[in-house]
C-alpha atoms as a PDB file:
ATOM      1  CA  UNK A   1    -237.288 167.132 228.375  1.00  0.00           C
ATOM      2  CA  UNK A   2    -240.945 166.146 228.736  1.00  0.00           C
ATOM      3  CA  UNK A   3    -242.842 164.972 225.697  1.00  0.00           C
ATOM      4  CA  UNK A   4    -245.932 167.174 225.269  1.00  0.00           C
ATOM      5  CA  UNK A   5    -249.341 165.891 224.349  1.00  0.00           C
ATOM      6  CA  UNK A   6    -249.926 165.613 220.619  1.00  0.00           C
ATOM      7  CA  UNK A   7    -251.944 168.255 218.803  1.00  0.00           C
ATOM      8  CA  UNK A   8    -251.979 166.808 215.284  1.00  0.00           C
ATOM      9  CA  UNK A   9    -253.885 164.040 213.586  1.00  0.00           C
ATOM     10  CA  UNK A  10    -254.606 160.754 215.386  1.00  0.00           C
ATOM     11  CA  UNK A  11    -251.644 158.393 215.385  1.00  0.00           C
ATOM     12  CA  UNK A  12    -252.216 155.946 212.488  1.00  0.00           C
ATOM     13  CA  UNK A  13    -249.601 153.448 213.658  1.00  0.00           C
ATOM     14  CA  UNK A  14    -248.318 152.557 217.129  1.00  0.00           C
ATOM     15  CA  UNK A  15    -244.956 154.168 218.033  1.00  0.00           C
ATOM     16  CA  UNK A  16    -241.990 152.015 217.066  1.00  0.00           C
ATOM     17  CA  UNK A  17    -240.194 152.598 220.366  1.00  0.00           C
ATOM     18  CA  UNK A  18    -241.510 153.012 223.900  1.00  0.00           C
ATOM     19  CA  UNK A  19    -238.356 154.890 224.952  1.00  0.00           C
ATOM     20  CA  UNK A  20    -238.820 157.751 222.492  1.00  0.00           C
ATOM     21  CA  UNK A  21    -241.516 159.143 220.263  1.00  0.00           C
ATOM     22  CA  UNK A  22    -242.755 162.429 218.838  1.00  0.00           C
ATOM     23  CA  UNK A  23    -246.333 163.320 219.767  1.00  0.00           C
ATOM     24  CA  UNK A  24    -247.733 165.004 216.667  1.00  0.00           C
ATOM     25  CA  UNK A  25    -248.713 163.568 213.286  1.00  0.00           C
ATOM     26  CA  UNK A  26    -248.765 165.951 210.320  1.00  0.00           C
ATOM     27  CA  UNK A  27    -250.178 165.103 206.898  1.00  0.00           C
ATOM     28  CA  UNK A  28    -247.747 166.143 204.157  1.00  0.00           C
ATOM     29  CA  UNK A  29    -247.534 165.525 200.449  1.00  0.00           C
ATOM     30  CA  UNK A  30    -246.364 161.955 200.220  1.00  0.00           C
ATOM     31  CA  UNK A  31    -247.323 160.683 203.654  1.00  0.00           C
ATOM     32  CA  UNK A  32    -247.606 161.373 207.363  1.00  0.00           C
ATOM     33  CA  UNK A  33    -244.815 162.825 209.495  1.00  0.00           C
ATOM     34  CA  UNK A  34    -244.184 162.404 213.212  1.00  0.00           C
ATOM     35  CA  UNK A  35    -243.100 165.703 214.750  1.00  0.00           C
ATOM     36  CA  UNK A  36    -242.667 167.529 218.040  1.00  0.00           C
ATOM     37  CA  UNK A  37    -241.913 171.033 219.331  1.00  0.00           C
ATOM     38  CA  UNK A  38    -239.973 171.656 222.543  1.00  0.00           C
ATOM     39  CA  UNK A  39    -238.636 174.628 224.501  1.00  0.00           C
ATOM     40  CA  UNK A  40    -238.924 178.349 223.916  1.00  0.00           C
ATOM     41  CA  UNK A  41    -236.841 180.881 222.020  1.00  0.00           C
ATOM     42  CA  UNK A  42    -235.526 181.311 218.462  1.00  0.00           C
ATOM     43  CA  UNK A  43    -236.505 178.354 216.252  1.00  0.00           C
ATOM     44  CA  UNK A  44    -234.136 175.505 215.376  1.00  0.00           C
ATOM     45  CA  UNK A  45    -235.156 172.586 213.144  1.00  0.00           C
ATOM     46  CA  UNK A  46    -233.172 169.353 213.594  1.00  0.00           C
ATOM     47  CA  UNK A  47    -233.044 166.843 210.724  1.00  0.00           C
ATOM     48  CA  UNK A  48    -231.632 163.362 211.316  1.00  0.00           C
ATOM     49  CA  UNK A  49    -229.896 161.110 208.782  1.00  0.00           C
ATOM     50  CA  UNK A  50    -229.821 157.403 207.968  1.00  0.00           C
ATOM     51  CA  UNK A  51    -230.211 154.843 209.443  1.00  0.00           C
ATOM     52  CA  UNK A  52    -231.214 157.000 212.413  1.00  0.00           C
ATOM     53  CA  UNK A  53    -234.409 158.837 213.339  1.00  0.00           C
ATOM     54  CA  UNK A  54    -235.274 161.724 215.671  1.00  0.00           C
ATOM     55  CA  UNK A  55    -234.018 159.626 218.610  1.00  0.00           C
ATOM     56  CA  UNK A  56    -230.504 160.671 217.512  1.00  0.00           C
ATOM     57  CA  UNK A  57    -231.196 164.236 218.646  1.00  0.00           C
ATOM     58  CA  UNK A  58    -232.626 163.499 222.094  1.00  0.00           C
ATOM     59  CA  UNK A  59    -229.576 164.705 224.069  1.00  0.00           C
ATOM     60  CA  UNK A  60    -228.917 167.703 221.838  1.00  0.00           C
ATOM     61  CA  UNK A  61    -232.598 168.680 221.815  1.00  0.00           C
ATOM     62  CA  UNK A  62    -232.825 168.667 225.618  1.00  0.00           C
ATOM     63  CA  UNK A  63    -229.910 171.092 225.876  1.00  0.00           C
ATOM     64  CA  UNK A  64    -231.064 173.332 223.017  1.00  0.00           C
ATOM     65  CA  UNK A  65    -234.620 173.484 224.381  1.00  0.00           C
ATOM     66  CA  UNK A  66    -233.297 175.375 227.424  1.00  0.00           C
ATOM     67  CA  UNK A  67    -232.595 178.311 225.093  1.00  0.00           C
ATOM     68  CA  UNK A  68    -234.385 177.670 221.782  1.00  0.00           C
ATOM     69  CA  UNK A  69    -237.637 176.328 220.370  1.00  0.00           C
ATOM     70  CA  UNK A  70    -236.620 172.973 218.921  1.00  0.00           C
ATOM     71  CA  UNK A  71    -238.558 171.408 216.061  1.00  0.00           C
ATOM     72  CA  UNK A  72    -238.027 167.674 215.544  1.00  0.00           C
ATOM     73  CA  UNK A  73    -239.413 165.304 212.921  1.00  0.00           C
ATOM     74  CA  UNK A  74    -238.886 161.832 211.565  1.00  0.00           C
ATOM     75  CA  UNK A  75    -238.231 161.871 207.834  1.00  0.00           C
ATOM     76  CA  UNK A  76    -240.620 159.872 205.658  1.00  0.00           C
ATOM     77  CA  UNK A  77    -239.811 156.175 205.976  1.00  0.00           C
ATOM     78  CA  UNK A  78    -237.933 156.677 209.264  1.00  0.00           C
ATOM     79  CA  UNK A  79    -239.031 156.381 212.872  1.00  0.00           C
ATOM     80  CA  UNK A  80    -242.760 156.986 213.177  1.00  0.00           C
ATOM     81  CA  UNK A  81    -243.187 158.702 209.795  1.00  0.00           C
ATOM     82  CA  UNK A  82    -244.697 156.798 206.889  1.00  0.00           C
ATOM     83  CA  UNK A  83    -244.693 157.547 203.155  1.00  0.00           C
ATOM     84  CA  UNK A  84    -247.839 156.969 201.175  1.00  0.00           C
ATOM     85  CA  UNK A  85    -247.985 153.898 198.954  1.00  0.00           C
ATOM     86  CA  UNK A  86    -245.654 154.249 196.005  1.00  0.00           C
ATOM     87  CA  UNK A  87    -243.788 157.255 197.425  1.00  0.00           C
ATOM     88  CA  UNK A  88    -239.997 156.867 197.510  1.00  0.00           C
ATOM     89  CA  UNK A  89    -238.291 158.550 200.492  1.00  0.00           C
ATOM     90  CA  UNK A  90    -235.732 160.422 198.387  1.00  0.00           C
ATOM     91  CA  UNK A  91    -233.697 163.376 199.599  1.00  0.00           C
ATOM     92  CA  UNK A  92    -235.637 165.555 197.156  1.00  0.00           C
ATOM     93  CA  UNK A  93    -238.911 164.381 198.706  1.00  0.00           C
ATOM     94  CA  UNK A  94    -237.645 164.966 202.256  1.00  0.00           C
ATOM     95  CA  UNK A  95    -236.502 168.494 201.334  1.00  0.00           C
ATOM     96  CA  UNK A  96    -239.955 169.270 199.952  1.00  0.00           C
ATOM     97  CA  UNK A  97    -241.512 167.925 203.158  1.00  0.00           C
ATOM     98  CA  UNK A  98    -239.178 170.099 205.241  1.00  0.00           C
ATOM     99  CA  UNK A  99    -240.381 173.112 203.272  1.00  0.00           C
ATOM    100  CA  UNK A 100    -243.989 172.109 204.036  1.00  0.00           C
ATOM    101  CA  UNK A 101    -243.219 171.683 207.731  1.00  0.00           C
ATOM    102  CA  UNK A 102    -241.549 175.086 208.015  1.00  0.00           C
ATOM    103  CA  UNK A 103    -244.684 176.597 206.502  1.00  0.00           C
ATOM    104  CA  UNK A 104    -246.931 174.462 208.726  1.00  0.00           C
ATOM    105  CA  UNK A 105    -245.087 175.643 211.828  1.00  0.00           C
ATOM    106  CA  UNK A 106    -245.263 179.267 210.683  1.00  0.00           C
ATOM    107  CA  UNK A 107    -241.502 179.780 210.813  1.00  0.00           C
ATOM    108  CA  UNK A 108    -240.025 182.747 208.955  1.00  0.00           C
ATOM    109  CA  UNK A 109    -236.314 181.885 208.991  1.00  0.00           C
ATOM    110  CA  UNK A 110    -235.395 179.088 211.408  1.00  0.00           C
ATOM    111  CA  UNK A 111    -231.914 177.731 211.927  1.00  0.00           C
ATOM    112  CA  UNK A 112    -231.676 174.473 209.950  1.00  0.00           C
ATOM    113  CA  UNK A 113    -229.484 171.659 211.288  1.00  0.00           C
ATOM    114  CA  UNK A 114    -228.953 168.445 209.336  1.00  0.00           C
ATOM    115  CA  UNK A 115    -226.989 165.277 210.066  1.00  0.00           C
ATOM    116  CA  UNK A 116    -225.840 162.750 207.426  1.00  0.00           C
ATOM    117  CA  UNK A 117    -228.404 162.778 204.583  1.00  0.00           C
ATOM    118  CA  UNK A 118    -230.326 165.238 206.747  1.00  0.00           C
ATOM    119  CA  UNK A 119    -227.536 167.653 205.840  1.00  0.00           C
ATOM    120  CA  UNK A 120    -228.330 167.058 202.189  1.00  0.00           C
ATOM    121  CA  UNK A 121    -232.021 167.596 202.955  1.00  0.00           C
ATOM    122  CA  UNK A 122    -231.259 170.904 204.697  1.00  0.00           C
ATOM    123  CA  UNK A 123    -228.975 172.087 201.882  1.00  0.00           C
ATOM    124  CA  UNK A 124    -231.544 171.233 199.215  1.00  0.00           C
ATOM    125  CA  UNK A 125    -234.442 172.723 201.207  1.00  0.00           C
ATOM    126  CA  UNK A 126    -232.593 176.028 201.593  1.00  0.00           C
ATOM    127  CA  UNK A 127    -230.887 176.298 198.210  1.00  0.00           C
ATOM    128  CA  UNK A 128    -233.371 174.563 195.891  1.00  0.00           C
ATOM    129  CA  UNK A 129    -236.742 174.677 197.679  1.00  0.00           C
ATOM    130  CA  UNK A 130    -236.077 178.244 198.863  1.00  0.00           C
ATOM    131  CA  UNK A 131    -236.667 177.676 202.588  1.00  0.00           C
ATOM    132  CA  UNK A 132    -235.385 180.807 204.375  1.00  0.00           C
ATOM    133  CA  UNK A 133    -232.890 180.192 207.189  1.00  0.00           C
ATOM    134  CA  UNK A 134    -231.186 182.314 209.820  1.00  0.00           C
ATOM    135  CA  UNK A 135    -228.268 179.865 209.919  1.00  0.00           C
ATOM    136  CA  UNK A 136    -227.224 176.424 208.706  1.00  0.00           C
ATOM    137  CA  UNK A 137    -225.390 173.659 210.527  1.00  0.00           C
ATOM    138  CA  UNK A 138    -224.232 170.591 208.601  1.00  0.00           C
ATOM    139  CA  UNK A 139    -223.209 167.721 210.876  1.00  0.00           C
ATOM    140  CA  UNK A 140    -221.222 164.836 209.334  1.00  0.00           C
ATOM    141  CA  UNK A 141    -223.319 165.742 206.335  1.00  0.00           C
ATOM    142  CA  UNK A 142    -223.925 163.889 203.073  1.00  0.00           C
ATOM    143  CA  UNK A 143    -223.850 166.856 200.714  1.00  0.00           C
ATOM    144  CA  UNK A 144    -220.776 166.617 198.473  1.00  0.00           C
ATOM    145  CA  UNK A 145    -221.208 163.553 196.292  1.00  0.00           C
ATOM    146  CA  UNK A 146    -220.554 160.805 195.769  1.00  0.00           C
ATOM    147  CA  UNK A 147    -221.067 160.170 199.467  1.00  0.00           C
ATOM    148  CA  UNK A 148    -222.515 156.649 199.619  1.00  0.00           C
ATOM    149  CA  UNK A 149    -220.544 154.378 201.915  1.00  0.00           C
ATOM    150  CA  UNK A 150    -219.327 151.064 200.439  1.00  0.00           C
ATOM    151  CA  UNK A 151    -222.070 149.297 202.412  1.00  0.00           C
ATOM    152  CA  UNK A 152    -224.810 151.463 200.896  1.00  0.00           C
ATOM    153  CA  UNK A 153    -223.349 150.949 197.427  1.00  0.00           C
ATOM    154  CA  UNK A 154    -223.347 147.187 197.983  1.00  0.00           C
ATOM    155  CA  UNK A 155    -226.982 147.200 199.137  1.00  0.00           C
ATOM    156  CA  UNK A 156    -228.022 149.179 196.070  1.00  0.00           C
ATOM    157  CA  UNK A 157    -226.138 146.888 193.681  1.00  0.00           C
ATOM    158  CA  UNK A 158    -227.425 143.678 195.296  1.00  0.00           C
ATOM    159  CA  UNK A 159    -230.853 144.793 196.480  1.00  0.00           C
ATOM    160  CA  UNK A 160    -232.563 141.458 195.836  1.00  0.00           C
ATOM    161  CA  UNK A 161    -230.093 139.594 198.033  1.00  0.00           C
ATOM    162  CA  UNK A 162    -230.789 141.937 200.939  1.00  0.00           C
ATOM    163  CA  UNK A 163    -234.552 141.906 200.400  1.00  0.00           C
ATOM    164  CA  UNK A 164    -234.681 138.095 200.416  1.00  0.00           C
ATOM    165  CA  UNK A 165    -232.289 137.716 203.344  1.00  0.00           C
ATOM    166  CA  UNK A 166    -233.886 136.079 206.424  1.00  0.00           C
ATOM    167  CA  UNK A 167    -235.107 138.840 208.749  1.00  0.00           C
ATOM    168  CA  UNK A 168    -233.043 137.630 211.714  1.00  0.00           C
ATOM    169  CA  UNK A 169    -229.857 137.606 209.635  1.00  0.00           C
ATOM    170  CA  UNK A 170    -230.610 141.068 208.316  1.00  0.00           C
ATOM    171  CA  UNK A 171    -231.239 142.288 211.887  1.00  0.00           C
ATOM    172  CA  UNK A 172    -227.788 141.058 212.929  1.00  0.00           C
ATOM    173  CA  UNK A 173    -226.238 142.856 209.977  1.00  0.00           C
ATOM    174  CA  UNK A 174    -228.113 146.090 210.770  1.00  0.00           C
ATOM    175  CA  UNK A 175    -226.979 145.933 214.404  1.00  0.00           C
ATOM    176  CA  UNK A 176    -223.373 145.413 213.371  1.00  0.00           C
ATOM    177  CA  UNK A 177    -223.567 148.350 210.991  1.00  0.00           C
ATOM    178  CA  UNK A 178    -225.157 150.596 213.590  1.00  0.00           C
ATOM    179  CA  UNK A 179    -222.423 149.897 216.131  1.00  0.00           C
ATOM    180  CA  UNK A 180    -219.827 151.271 213.681  1.00  0.00           C
ATOM    181  CA  UNK A 181    -221.555 154.670 213.640  1.00  0.00           C
ATOM    182  CA  UNK A 182    -220.226 155.779 217.023  1.00  0.00           C
ATOM    183  CA  UNK A 183    -216.795 156.129 218.560  1.00  0.00           C
ATOM    184  CA  UNK A 184    -217.941 154.976 222.018  1.00  0.00           C
ATOM    185  CA  UNK A 185    -219.813 151.667 222.388  1.00  0.00           C
ATOM    186  CA  UNK A 186    -223.557 152.199 222.253  1.00  0.00           C
ATOM    187  CA  UNK A 187    -225.523 151.196 225.364  1.00  0.00           C
ATOM    188  CA  UNK A 188    -227.853 148.294 224.677  1.00  0.00           C
ATOM    189  CA  UNK A 189    -230.944 150.443 225.233  1.00  0.00           C
ATOM    190  CA  UNK A 190    -229.717 152.862 222.552  1.00  0.00           C
ATOM    191  CA  UNK A 191    -229.017 149.991 220.143  1.00  0.00           C
ATOM    192  CA  UNK A 192    -232.566 148.729 220.707  1.00  0.00           C
ATOM    193  CA  UNK A 193    -234.065 152.183 220.123  1.00  0.00           C
ATOM    194  CA  UNK A 194    -232.120 152.764 216.899  1.00  0.00           C
ATOM    195  CA  UNK A 195    -233.042 149.325 215.577  1.00  0.00           C
ATOM    196  CA  UNK A 196    -236.722 149.467 216.574  1.00  0.00           C
ATOM    197  CA  UNK A 197    -237.915 151.076 213.295  1.00  0.00           C
ATOM    198  CA  UNK A 198    -236.130 148.371 211.293  1.00  0.00           C
ATOM    199  CA  UNK A 199    -237.434 145.331 213.191  1.00  0.00           C
ATOM    200  CA  UNK A 200    -238.929 142.316 211.450  1.00  0.00           C
ATOM    201  CA  UNK A 201    -239.710 141.896 207.777  1.00  0.00           C
ATOM    202  CA  UNK A 202    -241.576 145.207 207.563  1.00  0.00           C
ATOM    203  CA  UNK A 203    -238.603 147.026 209.091  1.00  0.00           C
ATOM    204  CA  UNK A 204    -236.244 145.273 206.700  1.00  0.00           C
ATOM    205  CA  UNK A 205    -238.367 146.499 203.790  1.00  0.00           C
ATOM    206  CA  UNK A 206    -238.345 150.044 205.207  1.00  0.00           C
ATOM    207  CA  UNK A 207    -234.560 150.022 205.554  1.00  0.00           C
ATOM    208  CA  UNK A 208    -234.043 148.809 202.001  1.00  0.00           C
ATOM    209  CA  UNK A 209    -236.659 151.204 200.591  1.00  0.00           C
ATOM    210  CA  UNK A 210    -234.751 154.181 201.959  1.00  0.00           C
ATOM    211  CA  UNK A 211    -231.427 152.709 200.807  1.00  0.00           C
ATOM    212  CA  UNK A 212    -232.828 152.355 197.289  1.00  0.00           C
ATOM    213  CA  UNK A 213    -234.119 155.933 197.336  1.00  0.00           C
ATOM    214  CA  UNK A 214    -230.981 157.715 198.512  1.00  0.00           C
ATOM    215  CA  UNK A 215    -228.764 159.272 195.855  1.00  0.00           C
ATOM    216  CA  UNK A 216    -226.267 162.110 195.655  1.00  0.00           C
ATOM    217  CA  UNK A 217    -228.064 163.138 192.460  1.00  0.00           C
ATOM    218  CA  UNK A 218    -230.582 164.803 194.801  1.00  0.00           C
ATOM    219  CA  UNK A 219    -227.875 167.007 196.300  1.00  0.00           C
ATOM    220  CA  UNK A 220    -226.136 167.866 193.024  1.00  0.00           C
ATOM    221  CA  UNK A 221    -228.125 171.069 192.436  1.00  0.00           C
ATOM    222  CA  UNK A 222    -227.597 172.184 196.035  1.00  0.00           C
ATOM    223  CA  UNK A 223    -223.861 171.588 195.668  1.00  0.00           C
ATOM    224  CA  UNK A 224    -223.818 173.805 192.586  1.00  0.00           C
ATOM    225  CA  UNK A 225    -225.366 176.579 194.694  1.00  0.00           C
ATOM    226  CA  UNK A 226    -223.190 176.258 197.813  1.00  0.00           C
ATOM    227  CA  UNK A 227    -221.267 179.360 196.788  1.00  0.00           C
ATOM    228  CA  UNK A 228    -224.464 181.399 197.128  1.00  0.00           C
ATOM    229  CA  UNK A 229    -225.033 180.549 200.797  1.00  0.00           C
ATOM    230  CA  UNK A 230    -225.362 183.893 202.558  1.00  0.00           C
ATOM    231  CA  UNK A 231    -226.226 182.851 206.116  1.00  0.00           C
ATOM    232  CA  UNK A 232    -223.819 181.795 208.883  1.00  0.00           C
ATOM    233  CA  UNK A 233    -222.899 178.147 208.353  1.00  0.00           C
ATOM    234  CA  UNK A 234    -221.297 175.686 210.739  1.00  0.00           C
ATOM    235  CA  UNK A 235    -219.778 172.427 209.478  1.00  0.00           C
ATOM    236  CA  UNK A 236    -219.546 170.113 212.485  1.00  0.00           C
ATOM    237  CA  UNK A 237    -217.750 166.782 212.166  1.00  0.00           C
ATOM    238  CA  UNK A 238    -216.736 163.782 214.229  1.00  0.00           C
ATOM    239  CA  UNK A 239    -212.975 163.427 214.224  1.00  0.00           C
ATOM    240  CA  UNK A 240    -213.363 159.620 214.222  1.00  0.00           C
ATOM    241  CA  UNK A 241    -216.118 159.435 211.601  1.00  0.00           C
ATOM    242  CA  UNK A 242    -215.611 156.070 209.882  1.00  0.00           C
ATOM    243  CA  UNK A 243    -218.450 156.630 207.393  1.00  0.00           C
ATOM    244  CA  UNK A 244    -217.676 160.125 206.070  1.00  0.00           C
ATOM    245  CA  UNK A 245    -214.084 161.092 206.907  1.00  0.00           C
ATOM    246  CA  UNK A 246    -213.223 164.510 208.366  1.00  0.00           C
ATOM    247  CA  UNK A 247    -211.616 165.496 205.053  1.00  0.00           C
ATOM    248  CA  UNK A 248    -215.141 165.547 203.623  1.00  0.00           C
ATOM    249  CA  UNK A 249    -216.100 168.143 206.201  1.00  0.00           C
ATOM    250  CA  UNK A 250    -213.061 170.223 205.294  1.00  0.00           C
ATOM    251  CA  UNK A 251    -214.069 170.193 201.618  1.00  0.00           C
ATOM    252  CA  UNK A 252    -217.653 171.071 202.472  1.00  0.00           C
ATOM    253  CA  UNK A 253    -216.629 174.024 204.649  1.00  0.00           C
ATOM    254  CA  UNK A 254    -214.286 175.261 201.916  1.00  0.00           C
ATOM    255  CA  UNK A 255    -217.166 175.248 199.406  1.00  0.00           C
ATOM    256  CA  UNK A 256    -219.412 177.540 201.499  1.00  0.00           C
ATOM    257  CA  UNK A 257    -218.511 181.231 201.854  1.00  0.00           C
ATOM    258  CA  UNK A 258    -217.524 182.058 205.427  1.00  0.00           C
ATOM    259  CA  UNK A 259    -218.377 178.591 206.763  1.00  0.00           C
ATOM    260  CA  UNK A 260    -216.846 177.665 210.086  1.00  0.00           C
ATOM    261  CA  UNK A 261    -215.481 174.133 210.556  1.00  0.00           C
ATOM    262  CA  UNK A 262    -215.425 172.478 213.953  1.00  0.00           C
ATOM    263  CA  UNK A 263    -214.262 168.921 214.656  1.00  0.00           C
ATOM    264  CA  UNK A 264    -215.160 166.960 217.793  1.00  0.00           C
ATOM    265  CA  UNK A 265    -212.104 164.773 218.218  1.00  0.00           C
ATOM    266  CA  UNK A 266    -213.586 161.733 219.972  1.00  0.00           C
ATOM    267  CA  UNK A 267    -216.864 161.480 218.072  1.00  0.00           C
ATOM    268  CA  UNK A 268    -217.817 159.140 215.243  1.00  0.00           C
ATOM    269  CA  UNK A 269    -220.357 159.556 212.467  1.00  0.00           C
ATOM    270  CA  UNK A 270    -223.254 159.726 214.941  1.00  0.00           C
ATOM    271  CA  UNK A 271    -221.725 162.806 216.564  1.00  0.00           C
ATOM    272  CA  UNK A 272    -224.985 163.844 218.322  1.00  0.00           C
ATOM    273  CA  UNK A 273    -225.004 160.398 219.965  1.00  0.00           C
ATOM    274  CA  UNK A 274    -221.302 160.329 220.875  1.00  0.00           C
ATOM    275  CA  UNK A 275    -221.057 163.923 222.079  1.00  0.00           C
ATOM    276  CA  UNK A 276    -224.473 165.546 222.624  1.00  0.00           C
ATOM    277  CA  UNK A 277    -223.123 168.190 225.007  1.00  0.00           C
ATOM    278  CA  UNK A 278    -220.360 169.202 222.596  1.00  0.00           C
ATOM    279  CA  UNK A 279    -222.788 169.244 219.683  1.00  0.00           C
ATOM    280  CA  UNK A 280    -225.327 171.376 221.552  1.00  0.00           C
ATOM    281  CA  UNK A 281    -222.644 173.778 222.773  1.00  0.00           C
ATOM    282  CA  UNK A 282    -221.272 174.196 219.239  1.00  0.00           C
ATOM    283  CA  UNK A 283    -224.741 174.867 217.886  1.00  0.00           C
ATOM    284  CA  UNK A 284    -225.572 177.386 220.605  1.00  0.00           C
ATOM    285  CA  UNK A 285    -222.280 179.192 219.985  1.00  0.00           C
ATOM    286  CA  UNK A 286    -222.966 179.399 216.238  1.00  0.00           C
ATOM    287  CA  UNK A 287    -224.307 182.732 215.003  1.00  0.00           C
ATOM    288  CA  UNK A 288    -228.006 182.562 214.214  1.00  0.00           C
ATOM    289  CA  UNK A 289    -228.748 179.460 216.302  1.00  0.00           C
END
């Protein structure tokens, strides 16, 4: 899938990764967002989770773009998107930004797809921010709290230790954590691309800023409203997810009227990385996407 020329504001910072990047920069409340639009057809917005960025969707987006218009963005504090000084990249903030982007793109009721905390962002954007949707897809999604992994909990409780850790030691820890997100071993070029936004001391600060900001309190109101979801909803889960077990997906699907649950047996938490063809096929088969 070719990357089109950018049509937004000038790029304020160099791309974090030569292998992947979104061409447009959009000013939003709270910062600047990297975004891109690909393909042609009914609109689908893909929202990544943590500690990923839009790179996670590259395989899925290529397949979807053969049949749909795919809207990609890096959440504030991730990839090539940057929050303004003093702005915390909370799920509530990201949901508000998603609402702004849907308006910016002129979309009436796109399909909204969210992975990990991106699922929480999608749920909050639709149910709290009032973003209309033709369909929802929640992929290994952090919606039902508490959903922090033990590692995230530990980082939040001992933030100073992680912030003062030597950058090279932290980089080794981040790489080790990343490798546990997939069922199949990640190719080295993929490891490098995922880690690129978190490189060096500035990347370490970015990682820990988003860890500090994430909280299931931001999805609590959306969870209370799950019973009011009135659009087709797919809950898609990796059968080998070591971060959020498949039972979490079962509970999430049970909480949403008419939701359909699908499990991809050999995929881990980064399902779009492990099984992009399966993920794209499931999304294309889902009503409204």
